Full PDB file with SEQRES, HELIX, SHEET, SSBOND, CRYST1, ORIGX, SCALE, CONECT and MASTER records, all heavy atoms in Angstrom:
SEQRES   1 A   40  PHE ALA PRO ALA LEU ASN HIS ALA GLY LEU GLY PRO ASP          
SEQRES   2 A   40  ARG VAL ILE TYR VAL GLU ALA GLY ASP GLU LYS ALA LEU          
SEQRES   3 A   40  MET ALA CYS PHE GLU GLU GLY LEU ARG HIS GLY GLY LEU          
SEQRES   4 A   40  ALA                                                          
HELIX    1 AA1 ALA A    2  HIS A    7  1                                   6    
HELIX    2 AA2 PRO A   12  ARG A   14  5                                   3    
HELIX    3 AA3 GLU A   23  ARG A   35  1                                  13    
CRYST1    1.000    1.000    1.000  90.00  90.00  90.00 P 1           1          
ORIGX1      1.000000  0.000000  0.000000        0.00000                         
ORIGX2      0.000000  1.000000  0.000000        0.00000                         
ORIGX3      0.000000  0.000000  1.000000        0.00000                         
SCALE1      1.000000  0.000000  0.000000        0.00000                         
SCALE2      0.000000  1.000000  0.000000        0.00000                         
SCALE3      0.000000  0.000000  1.000000        0.00000                         
ATOM      1  N   PHE A   1      -4.192   9.453  -6.134  1.00  0.00           N  
ATOM      2  CA  PHE A   1      -3.476  10.559  -6.727  1.00  0.00           C  
ATOM      3  C   PHE A   1      -2.161  10.711  -5.967  1.00  0.00           C  
ATOM      4  O   PHE A   1      -2.098  11.294  -4.874  1.00  0.00           O  
ATOM      5  CB  PHE A   1      -4.340  11.818  -6.630  1.00  0.00           C  
ATOM      6  CG  PHE A   1      -3.780  12.986  -7.417  1.00  0.00           C  
ATOM      7  CD1 PHE A   1      -3.494  12.850  -8.752  1.00  0.00           C  
ATOM      8  CD2 PHE A   1      -3.620  14.224  -6.832  1.00  0.00           C  
ATOM      9  CE1 PHE A   1      -3.008  13.937  -9.504  1.00  0.00           C  
ATOM     10  CE2 PHE A   1      -3.139  15.311  -7.513  1.00  0.00           C  
ATOM     11  CZ  PHE A   1      -2.815  15.149  -8.890  1.00  0.00           C  
ATOM     12  N   ALA A   2      -1.074  10.205  -6.552  1.00  0.00           N  
ATOM     13  CA  ALA A   2       0.234  10.200  -5.882  1.00  0.00           C  
ATOM     14  C   ALA A   2       0.726  11.594  -5.492  1.00  0.00           C  
ATOM     15  O   ALA A   2       1.351  11.748  -4.427  1.00  0.00           O  
ATOM     16  CB  ALA A   2       1.268   9.488  -6.761  1.00  0.00           C  
ATOM     17  N   PRO A   3       0.546  12.641  -6.349  1.00  0.00           N  
ATOM     18  CA  PRO A   3       1.025  13.982  -5.931  1.00  0.00           C  
ATOM     19  C   PRO A   3       0.377  14.471  -4.651  1.00  0.00           C  
ATOM     20  O   PRO A   3       0.981  15.195  -3.839  1.00  0.00           O  
ATOM     21  CB  PRO A   3       0.638  14.867  -7.128  1.00  0.00           C  
ATOM     22  CG  PRO A   3       0.676  13.936  -8.286  1.00  0.00           C  
ATOM     23  CD  PRO A   3       0.154  12.620  -7.726  1.00  0.00           C  
ATOM     24  N   ALA A   4      -0.880  14.084  -4.415  1.00  0.00           N  
ATOM     25  CA  ALA A   4      -1.546  14.477  -3.151  1.00  0.00           C  
ATOM     26  C   ALA A   4      -0.914  13.794  -1.943  1.00  0.00           C  
ATOM     27  O   ALA A   4      -0.730  14.416  -0.902  1.00  0.00           O  
ATOM     28  CB  ALA A   4      -3.051  14.157  -3.220  1.00  0.00           C  
ATOM     29  N   LEU A   5      -0.569  12.511  -2.094  1.00  0.00           N  
ATOM     30  CA  LEU A   5       0.155  11.807  -1.030  1.00  0.00           C  
ATOM     31  C   LEU A   5       1.479  12.469  -0.731  1.00  0.00           C  
ATOM     32  O   LEU A   5       1.905  12.575   0.402  1.00  0.00           O  
ATOM     33  CB  LEU A   5       0.328  10.349  -1.376  1.00  0.00           C  
ATOM     34  CG  LEU A   5      -0.902   9.485  -1.635  1.00  0.00           C  
ATOM     35  CD1 LEU A   5      -0.535   8.034  -1.832  1.00  0.00           C  
ATOM     36  CD2 LEU A   5      -1.936   9.632  -0.505  1.00  0.00           C  
ATOM     37  N   ASN A   6       2.161  12.858  -1.806  1.00  0.00           N  
ATOM     38  CA  ASN A   6       3.464  13.512  -1.673  1.00  0.00           C  
ATOM     39  C   ASN A   6       3.296  14.839  -0.896  1.00  0.00           C  
ATOM     40  O   ASN A   6       4.138  15.196  -0.048  1.00  0.00           O  
ATOM     41  CB  ASN A   6       4.069  13.788  -3.016  1.00  0.00           C  
ATOM     42  CG  ASN A   6       5.498  14.289  -2.944  1.00  0.00           C  
ATOM     43  OD1 ASN A   6       6.318  13.714  -2.242  1.00  0.00           O  
ATOM     44  ND2 ASN A   6       5.791  15.335  -3.689  1.00  0.00           N  
ATOM     45  N   HIS A   7       2.222  15.545  -1.143  1.00  0.00           N  
ATOM     46  CA  HIS A   7       1.952  16.778  -0.419  1.00  0.00           C  
ATOM     47  C   HIS A   7       1.711  16.545   1.082  1.00  0.00           C  
ATOM     48  O   HIS A   7       1.939  17.446   1.917  1.00  0.00           O  
ATOM     49  CB  HIS A   7       0.686  17.470  -1.022  1.00  0.00           C  
ATOM     50  CG  HIS A   7       0.456  18.855  -0.516  1.00  0.00           C  
ATOM     51  ND1 HIS A   7       1.261  19.896  -0.793  1.00  0.00           N  
ATOM     52  CD2 HIS A   7      -0.528  19.332   0.319  1.00  0.00           C  
ATOM     53  CE1 HIS A   7       0.811  20.995  -0.159  1.00  0.00           C  
ATOM     54  NE2 HIS A   7      -0.277  20.660   0.511  1.00  0.00           N  
ATOM     55  N   ALA A   8       1.255  15.345   1.434  1.00  0.00           N  
ATOM     56  CA  ALA A   8       1.073  14.963   2.835  1.00  0.00           C  
ATOM     57  C   ALA A   8       2.292  14.271   3.445  1.00  0.00           C  
ATOM     58  O   ALA A   8       2.255  13.701   4.502  1.00  0.00           O  
ATOM     59  CB  ALA A   8      -0.129  14.053   2.975  1.00  0.00           C  
ATOM     60  N   GLY A   9       3.426  14.367   2.710  1.00  0.00           N  
ATOM     61  CA  GLY A   9       4.680  13.833   3.230  1.00  0.00           C  
ATOM     62  C   GLY A   9       5.094  12.461   2.805  1.00  0.00           C  
ATOM     63  O   GLY A   9       6.121  11.947   3.157  1.00  0.00           O  
ATOM     64  N   LEU A  10       4.225  11.765   2.045  1.00  0.00           N  
ATOM     65  CA  LEU A  10       4.506  10.405   1.588  1.00  0.00           C  
ATOM     66  C   LEU A  10       4.935  10.413   0.113  1.00  0.00           C  
ATOM     67  O   LEU A  10       4.113  10.460  -0.800  1.00  0.00           O  
ATOM     68  CB  LEU A  10       3.234   9.506   1.744  1.00  0.00           C  
ATOM     69  CG  LEU A  10       3.421   8.003   1.490  1.00  0.00           C  
ATOM     70  CD1 LEU A  10       4.478   7.437   2.430  1.00  0.00           C  
ATOM     71  CD2 LEU A  10       2.090   7.295   1.690  1.00  0.00           C  
ATOM     72  N   GLY A  11       6.258  10.388  -0.059  1.00  0.00           N  
ATOM     73  CA  GLY A  11       6.828  10.479  -1.393  1.00  0.00           C  
ATOM     74  C   GLY A  11       6.571   9.214  -2.213  1.00  0.00           C  
ATOM     75  O   GLY A  11       6.389   8.107  -1.666  1.00  0.00           O  
ATOM     76  N   PRO A  12       6.508   9.356  -3.584  1.00  0.00           N  
ATOM     77  CA  PRO A  12       6.195   8.218  -4.432  1.00  0.00           C  
ATOM     78  C   PRO A  12       7.222   7.104  -4.396  1.00  0.00           C  
ATOM     79  O   PRO A  12       6.897   5.964  -4.705  1.00  0.00           O  
ATOM     80  CB  PRO A  12       6.098   8.861  -5.838  1.00  0.00           C  
ATOM     81  CG  PRO A  12       6.930  10.116  -5.744  1.00  0.00           C  
ATOM     82  CD  PRO A  12       6.726  10.572  -4.340  1.00  0.00           C  
ATOM     83  N   ASP A  13       8.445   7.444  -4.031  1.00  0.00           N  
ATOM     84  CA  ASP A  13       9.509   6.418  -3.945  1.00  0.00           C  
ATOM     85  C   ASP A  13       9.349   5.493  -2.750  1.00  0.00           C  
ATOM     86  O   ASP A  13      10.006   4.471  -2.662  1.00  0.00           O  
ATOM     87  CB  ASP A  13      10.883   7.089  -3.897  1.00  0.00           C  
ATOM     88  CG  ASP A  13      10.999   8.068  -2.721  1.00  0.00           C  
ATOM     89  OD1 ASP A  13      10.015   8.694  -2.368  1.00  0.00           O  
ATOM     90  OD2 ASP A  13      12.136   8.154  -2.161  1.00  0.00           O  
ATOM     91  N   ARG A  14       8.446   5.833  -1.856  1.00  0.00           N  
ATOM     92  CA  ARG A  14       8.239   5.027  -0.651  1.00  0.00           C  
ATOM     93  C   ARG A  14       7.041   4.136  -0.762  1.00  0.00           C  
ATOM     94  O   ARG A  14       6.822   3.254   0.087  1.00  0.00           O  
ATOM     95  CB  ARG A  14       8.095   5.949   0.563  1.00  0.00           C  
ATOM     96  CG  ARG A  14       9.342   6.690   0.997  1.00  0.00           C  
ATOM     97  CD  ARG A  14       9.127   7.415   2.289  1.00  0.00           C  
ATOM     98  NE  ARG A  14       8.668   6.393   3.300  1.00  0.00           N  
ATOM     99  CZ  ARG A  14       8.043   6.745   4.424  1.00  0.00           C  
ATOM    100  NH1 ARG A  14       7.741   8.024   4.678  1.00  0.00           N  
ATOM    101  NH2 ARG A  14       7.661   5.835   5.270  1.00  0.00           N  
ATOM    102  N   VAL A  15       6.180   4.306  -1.764  1.00  0.00           N  
ATOM    103  CA  VAL A  15       4.893   3.584  -1.814  1.00  0.00           C  
ATOM    104  C   VAL A  15       4.964   2.443  -2.791  1.00  0.00           C  
ATOM    105  O   VAL A  15       5.365   2.597  -3.945  1.00  0.00           O  
ATOM    106  CB  VAL A  15       3.770   4.545  -2.199  1.00  0.00           C  
ATOM    107  CG1 VAL A  15       2.425   3.831  -2.148  1.00  0.00           C  
ATOM    108  CG2 VAL A  15       3.731   5.774  -1.290  1.00  0.00           C  
ATOM    109  N   ILE A  16       4.502   1.299  -2.315  1.00  0.00           N  
ATOM    110  CA  ILE A  16       4.350   0.079  -3.201  1.00  0.00           C  
ATOM    111  C   ILE A  16       2.825  -0.105  -3.349  1.00  0.00           C  
ATOM    112  O   ILE A  16       2.107  -0.352  -2.372  1.00  0.00           O  
ATOM    113  CB  ILE A  16       4.939  -1.181  -2.570  1.00  0.00           C  
ATOM    114  CG1 ILE A  16       6.437  -0.931  -2.261  1.00  0.00           C  
ATOM    115  CG2 ILE A  16       4.752  -2.369  -3.448  1.00  0.00           C  
ATOM    116  CD1 ILE A  16       7.053  -2.006  -1.382  1.00  0.00           C  
ATOM    117  N   TYR A  17       2.329   0.004  -4.574  1.00  0.00           N  
ATOM    118  CA  TYR A  17       0.894  -0.103  -4.807  1.00  0.00           C  
ATOM    119  C   TYR A  17       0.514  -1.519  -5.186  1.00  0.00           C  
ATOM    120  O   TYR A  17       1.214  -2.174  -6.030  1.00  0.00           O  
ATOM    121  CB  TYR A  17       0.469   0.849  -5.952  1.00  0.00           C  
ATOM    122  CG  TYR A  17       0.715   2.294  -5.659  1.00  0.00           C  
ATOM    123  CD1 TYR A  17       1.826   2.938  -6.209  1.00  0.00           C  
ATOM    124  CD2 TYR A  17      -0.086   3.033  -4.816  1.00  0.00           C  
ATOM    125  CE1 TYR A  17       2.097   4.262  -5.921  1.00  0.00           C  
ATOM    126  CE2 TYR A  17       0.185   4.364  -4.525  1.00  0.00           C  
ATOM    127  CZ  TYR A  17       1.258   4.990  -5.085  1.00  0.00           C  
ATOM    128  OH  TYR A  17       1.496   6.319  -4.817  1.00  0.00           O  
ATOM    129  N   VAL A  18      -0.553  -2.026  -4.612  1.00  0.00           N  
ATOM    130  CA  VAL A  18      -1.055  -3.347  -4.958  1.00  0.00           C  
ATOM    131  C   VAL A  18      -2.495  -3.163  -5.367  1.00  0.00           C  
ATOM    132  O   VAL A  18      -3.343  -2.701  -4.564  1.00  0.00           O  
ATOM    133  CB  VAL A  18      -0.997  -4.320  -3.751  1.00  0.00           C  
ATOM    134  CG1 VAL A  18      -1.676  -5.657  -4.092  1.00  0.00           C  
ATOM    135  CG2 VAL A  18       0.485  -4.573  -3.406  1.00  0.00           C  
ATOM    136  N   GLU A  19      -2.848  -3.527  -6.604  1.00  0.00           N  
ATOM    137  CA  GLU A  19      -4.243  -3.431  -7.078  1.00  0.00           C  
ATOM    138  C   GLU A  19      -4.831  -4.842  -7.087  1.00  0.00           C  
ATOM    139  O   GLU A  19      -4.383  -5.708  -7.907  1.00  0.00           O  
ATOM    140  CB  GLU A  19      -4.306  -2.823  -8.437  1.00  0.00           C  
ATOM    141  CG  GLU A  19      -5.725  -2.623  -8.921  1.00  0.00           C  
ATOM    142  CD  GLU A  19      -5.781  -1.956 -10.319  1.00  0.00           C  
ATOM    143  OE1 GLU A  19      -4.767  -1.448 -10.794  1.00  0.00           O  
ATOM    144  OE2 GLU A  19      -6.887  -1.959 -10.918  1.00  0.00           O  
ATOM    145  N   ALA A  20      -5.804  -5.041  -6.223  1.00  0.00           N  
ATOM    146  CA  ALA A  20      -6.420  -6.393  -6.102  1.00  0.00           C  
ATOM    147  C   ALA A  20      -7.705  -6.392  -6.953  1.00  0.00           C  
ATOM    148  O   ALA A  20      -8.347  -5.377  -7.175  1.00  0.00           O  
ATOM    149  CB  ALA A  20      -6.750  -6.685  -4.676  1.00  0.00           C  
ATOM    150  N   GLY A  21      -8.106  -7.624  -7.356  1.00  0.00           N  
ATOM    151  CA  GLY A  21      -9.252  -7.728  -8.242  1.00  0.00           C  
ATOM    152  C   GLY A  21     -10.576  -7.592  -7.518  1.00  0.00           C  
ATOM    153  O   GLY A  21     -11.588  -7.184  -8.123  1.00  0.00           O  
ATOM    154  N   ASP A  22     -10.629  -7.971  -6.246  1.00  0.00           N  
ATOM    155  CA  ASP A  22     -11.907  -7.884  -5.465  1.00  0.00           C  
ATOM    156  C   ASP A  22     -11.572  -7.737  -3.996  1.00  0.00           C  
ATOM    157  O   ASP A  22     -10.421  -7.741  -3.603  1.00  0.00           O  
ATOM    158  CB  ASP A  22     -12.750  -9.113  -5.746  1.00  0.00           C  
ATOM    159  CG  ASP A  22     -12.032 -10.423  -5.486  1.00  0.00           C  
ATOM    160  OD1 ASP A  22     -11.192 -10.491  -4.575  1.00  0.00           O  
ATOM    161  OD2 ASP A  22     -12.290 -11.393  -6.215  1.00  0.00           O  
ATOM    162  N   GLU A  23     -12.650  -7.612  -3.158  1.00  0.00           N  
ATOM    163  CA  GLU A  23     -12.454  -7.381  -1.754  1.00  0.00           C  
ATOM    164  C   GLU A  23     -11.754  -8.569  -1.064  1.00  0.00           C  
ATOM    165  O   GLU A  23     -10.941  -8.356  -0.119  1.00  0.00           O  
ATOM    166  CB  GLU A  23     -13.764  -7.118  -1.092  1.00  0.00           C  
ATOM    167  CG  GLU A  23     -14.372  -5.743  -1.399  1.00  0.00           C  
ATOM    168  CD  GLU A  23     -13.663  -4.623  -0.648  1.00  0.00           C  
ATOM    169  OE1 GLU A  23     -13.196  -4.829   0.468  1.00  0.00           O  
ATOM    170  OE2 GLU A  23     -13.562  -3.548  -1.181  1.00  0.00           O  
ATOM    171  N   LYS A  24     -12.028  -9.781  -1.499  1.00  0.00           N  
ATOM    172  CA  LYS A  24     -11.392 -10.939  -0.905  1.00  0.00           C  
ATOM    173  C   LYS A  24      -9.919 -10.925  -1.112  1.00  0.00           C  
ATOM    174  O   LYS A  24      -9.116 -11.140  -0.152  1.00  0.00           O  
ATOM    175  CB  LYS A  24     -12.016 -12.236  -1.439  1.00  0.00           C  
ATOM    176  CG  LYS A  24     -11.458 -13.503  -0.845  1.00  0.00           C  
ATOM    177  CD  LYS A  24     -12.121 -14.736  -1.396  1.00  0.00           C  
ATOM    178  CE  LYS A  24     -11.570 -16.018  -0.746  1.00  0.00           C  
ATOM    179  NZ  LYS A  24     -12.219 -17.262  -1.281  1.00  0.00           N  
ATOM    180  N   ALA A  25      -9.495 -10.643  -2.339  1.00  0.00           N  
ATOM    181  CA  ALA A  25      -8.042 -10.569  -2.627  1.00  0.00           C  
ATOM    182  C   ALA A  25      -7.425  -9.391  -1.924  1.00  0.00           C  
ATOM    183  O   ALA A  25      -6.270  -9.424  -1.463  1.00  0.00           O  
ATOM    184  CB  ALA A  25      -7.839 -10.453  -4.135  1.00  0.00           C  
ATOM    185  N   LEU A  26      -8.188  -8.309  -1.813  1.00  0.00           N  
ATOM    186  CA  LEU A  26      -7.715  -7.102  -1.115  1.00  0.00           C  
ATOM    187  C   LEU A  26      -7.353  -7.431   0.337  1.00  0.00           C  
ATOM    188  O   LEU A  26      -6.282  -7.029   0.846  1.00  0.00           O  
ATOM    189  CB  LEU A  26      -8.741  -5.995  -1.180  1.00  0.00           C  
ATOM    190  CG  LEU A  26      -8.369  -4.627  -0.661  1.00  0.00           C  
ATOM    191  CD1 LEU A  26      -7.402  -3.966  -1.636  1.00  0.00           C  
ATOM    192  CD2 LEU A  26      -9.619  -3.757  -0.504  1.00  0.00           C  
ATOM    193  N   MET A  27      -8.248  -8.120   1.053  1.00  0.00           N  
ATOM    194  CA  MET A  27      -8.002  -8.459   2.437  1.00  0.00           C  
ATOM    195  C   MET A  27      -6.803  -9.396   2.585  1.00  0.00           C  
ATOM    196  O   MET A  27      -6.025  -9.295   3.540  1.00  0.00           O  
ATOM    197  CB  MET A  27      -9.252  -9.126   3.051  1.00  0.00           C  
ATOM    198  CG  MET A  27     -10.423  -8.198   3.326  1.00  0.00           C  
ATOM    199  SD  MET A  27     -10.068  -6.943   4.602  1.00  0.00           S  
ATOM    200  CE  MET A  27      -9.824  -5.462   3.573  1.00  0.00           C  
ATOM    201  N   ALA A  28      -6.673 -10.293   1.624  1.00  0.00           N  
ATOM    202  CA  ALA A  28      -5.488 -11.181   1.679  1.00  0.00           C  
ATOM    203  C   ALA A  28      -4.212 -10.416   1.554  1.00  0.00           C  
ATOM    204  O   ALA A  28      -3.215 -10.698   2.234  1.00  0.00           O  
ATOM    205  CB  ALA A  28      -5.602 -12.254   0.555  1.00  0.00           C  
ATOM    206  N   CYS A  29      -4.184  -9.407   0.636  1.00  0.00           N  
ATOM    207  CA  CYS A  29      -2.995  -8.575   0.449  1.00  0.00           C  
ATOM    208  C   CYS A  29      -2.729  -7.752   1.702  1.00  0.00           C  
ATOM    209  O   CYS A  29      -1.539  -7.600   2.140  1.00  0.00           O  
ATOM    210  CB  CYS A  29      -3.155  -7.647  -0.717  1.00  0.00           C  
ATOM    211  SG  CYS A  29      -3.236  -8.522  -2.323  1.00  0.00           S  
ATOM    212  N   PHE A  30      -3.750  -7.215   2.296  1.00  0.00           N  
ATOM    213  CA  PHE A  30      -3.648  -6.446   3.533  1.00  0.00           C  
ATOM    214  C   PHE A  30      -3.031  -7.265   4.651  1.00  0.00           C  
ATOM    215  O   PHE A  30      -2.082  -6.824   5.317  1.00  0.00           O  
ATOM    216  CB  PHE A  30      -5.040  -5.947   3.905  1.00  0.00           C  
ATOM    217  CG  PHE A  30      -5.123  -4.838   4.924  1.00  0.00           C  
ATOM    218  CD1 PHE A  30      -3.939  -4.236   5.441  1.00  0.00           C  
ATOM    219  CD2 PHE A  30      -6.327  -4.407   5.399  1.00  0.00           C  
ATOM    220  CE1 PHE A  30      -4.004  -3.194   6.373  1.00  0.00           C  
ATOM    221  CE2 PHE A  30      -6.380  -3.368   6.360  1.00  0.00           C  
ATOM    222  CZ  PHE A  30      -5.210  -2.785   6.847  1.00  0.00           C  
ATOM    223  N   GLU A  31      -3.571  -8.446   4.851  1.00  0.00           N  
ATOM    224  CA  GLU A  31      -3.072  -9.310   5.925  1.00  0.00           C  
ATOM    225  C   GLU A  31      -1.605  -9.742   5.679  1.00  0.00           C  
ATOM    226  O   GLU A  31      -0.772  -9.709   6.575  1.00  0.00           O  
ATOM    227  CB  GLU A  31      -3.955 -10.510   6.063  1.00  0.00           C  
ATOM    228  CG  GLU A  31      -3.540 -11.437   7.215  1.00  0.00           C  
ATOM    229  CD  GLU A  31      -4.489 -12.636   7.356  1.00  0.00           C  
ATOM    230  OE1 GLU A  31      -5.561 -12.602   6.789  1.00  0.00           O  
ATOM    231  OE2 GLU A  31      -4.078 -13.584   8.101  1.00  0.00           O  
ATOM    232  N   GLU A  32      -1.341 -10.100   4.433  1.00  0.00           N  
ATOM    233  CA  GLU A  32       0.032 -10.542   4.139  1.00  0.00           C  
ATOM    234  C   GLU A  32       1.027  -9.413   4.340  1.00  0.00           C  
ATOM    235  O   GLU A  32       2.146  -9.601   4.816  1.00  0.00           O  
ATOM    236  CB  GLU A  32       0.092 -11.043   2.663  1.00  0.00           C  
ATOM    237  CG  GLU A  32       1.424 -11.724   2.298  1.00  0.00           C  
ATOM    238  CD  GLU A  32       1.712 -12.964   3.084  1.00  0.00           C  
ATOM    239  OE1 GLU A  32       0.762 -13.636   3.558  1.00  0.00           O  
ATOM    240  OE2 GLU A  32       2.910 -13.293   3.296  1.00  0.00           O  
ATOM    241  N   GLY A  33       0.624  -8.198   3.942  1.00  0.00           N  
ATOM    242  CA  GLY A  33       1.521  -7.059   4.157  1.00  0.00           C  
ATOM    243  C   GLY A  33       1.777  -6.771   5.603  1.00  0.00           C  
ATOM    244  O   GLY A  33       2.888  -6.475   5.996  1.00  0.00           O  
ATOM    245  N   LEU A  34       0.755  -6.936   6.442  1.00  0.00           N  
ATOM    246  CA  LEU A  34       0.926  -6.715   7.858  1.00  0.00           C  
ATOM    247  C   LEU A  34       1.812  -7.752   8.513  1.00  0.00           C  
ATOM    248  O   LEU A  34       2.475  -7.481   9.515  1.00  0.00           O  
ATOM    249  CB  LEU A  34      -0.457  -6.727   8.563  1.00  0.00           C  
ATOM    250  CG  LEU A  34      -1.308  -5.450   8.345  1.00  0.00           C  
ATOM    251  CD1 LEU A  34      -2.701  -5.642   8.960  1.00  0.00           C  
ATOM    252  CD2 LEU A  34      -0.629  -4.204   8.934  1.00  0.00           C  
ATOM    253  N   ARG A  35       1.832  -8.933   7.990  1.00  0.00           N  
ATOM    254  CA  ARG A  35       2.662 -10.009   8.543  1.00  0.00           C  
ATOM    255  C   ARG A  35       4.160  -9.804   8.163  1.00  0.00           C  
ATOM    256  O   ARG A  35       5.035 -10.399   8.781  1.00  0.00           O  
ATOM    257  CB  ARG A  35       2.220 -11.381   8.055  1.00  0.00           C  
ATOM    258  CG  ARG A  35       0.849 -11.752   8.553  1.00  0.00           C  
ATOM    259  CD  ARG A  35       0.537 -13.203   8.290  1.00  0.00           C  
ATOM    260  NE  ARG A  35      -0.818 -13.495   8.697  1.00  0.00           N  
ATOM    261  CZ  ARG A  35      -1.230 -13.746   9.937  1.00  0.00           C  
ATOM    262  NH1 ARG A  35      -0.329 -13.685  10.895  1.00  0.00           N  
ATOM    263  NH2 ARG A  35      -2.484 -14.006  10.236  1.00  0.00           N  
ATOM    264  N   HIS A  36       4.405  -8.965   7.200  1.00  0.00           N  
ATOM    265  CA  HIS A  36       5.792  -8.690   6.764  1.00  0.00           C  
ATOM    266  C   HIS A  36       6.357  -7.578   7.631  1.00  0.00           C  
ATOM    267  O   HIS A  36       5.825  -6.490   7.759  1.00  0.00           O  
ATOM    268  CB  HIS A  36       5.781  -8.261   5.301  1.00  0.00           C  
ATOM    269  CG  HIS A  36       7.171  -8.021   4.735  1.00  0.00           C  
ATOM    270  ND1 HIS A  36       8.082  -9.038   4.563  1.00  0.00           N  
ATOM    271  CD2 HIS A  36       7.781  -6.903   4.386  1.00  0.00           C  
ATOM    272  CE1 HIS A  36       9.193  -8.557   4.043  1.00  0.00           C  
ATOM    273  NE2 HIS A  36       9.070  -7.233   3.974  1.00  0.00           N  
ATOM    274  N   GLY A  37       7.464  -7.848   8.291  1.00  0.00           N  
ATOM    275  CA  GLY A  37       8.013  -6.922   9.296  1.00  0.00           C  
ATOM    276  C   GLY A  37       8.848  -5.778   8.735  1.00  0.00           C  
ATOM    277  O   GLY A  37       9.271  -4.909   9.480  1.00  0.00           O  
ATOM    278  N   GLY A  38       9.080  -5.706   7.425  1.00  0.00           N  
ATOM    279  CA  GLY A  38       9.967  -4.712   6.861  1.00  0.00           C  
ATOM    280  C   GLY A  38       9.283  -3.482   6.345  1.00  0.00           C  
ATOM    281  O   GLY A  38       9.874  -2.696   5.590  1.00  0.00           O  
ATOM    282  N   LEU A  39       8.012  -3.230   6.698  1.00  0.00           N  
ATOM    283  CA  LEU A  39       7.268  -2.098   6.213  1.00  0.00           C  
ATOM    284  C   LEU A  39       7.032  -1.062   7.283  1.00  0.00           C  
ATOM    285  O   LEU A  39       6.887  -1.381   8.457  1.00  0.00           O  
ATOM    286  CB  LEU A  39       5.895  -2.557   5.633  1.00  0.00           C  
ATOM    287  CG  LEU A  39       5.923  -3.526   4.465  1.00  0.00           C  
ATOM    288  CD1 LEU A  39       4.559  -4.127   4.214  1.00  0.00           C  
ATOM    289  CD2 LEU A  39       6.473  -2.811   3.222  1.00  0.00           C  
ATOM    290  N   ALA A  40       6.915   0.209   6.806  1.00  0.00           N  
ATOM    291  CA  ALA A  40       6.529   1.274   7.794  1.00  0.00           C  
ATOM    292  C   ALA A  40       5.080   1.107   8.183  1.00  0.00           C  
ATOM    293  O   ALA A  40       4.675   1.389   9.297  1.00  0.00           O  
ATOM    294  CB  ALA A  40       6.757   2.618   7.143  1.00  0.00           C  
TER     295      ALA A  40                                                      
MASTER        0    0    0    3    0    0    0    6  294    1    0    4          
END                                                                             
């Protein structure tokens, strides 16, 4: 629920959502995101 995140200070313009098909793909996205140095 994006409005709830906004209420906690995280605006929708700052969030990039990735929807993975399963847990294996989810972990791959998580790891790849952490290896990218340009994210908060």
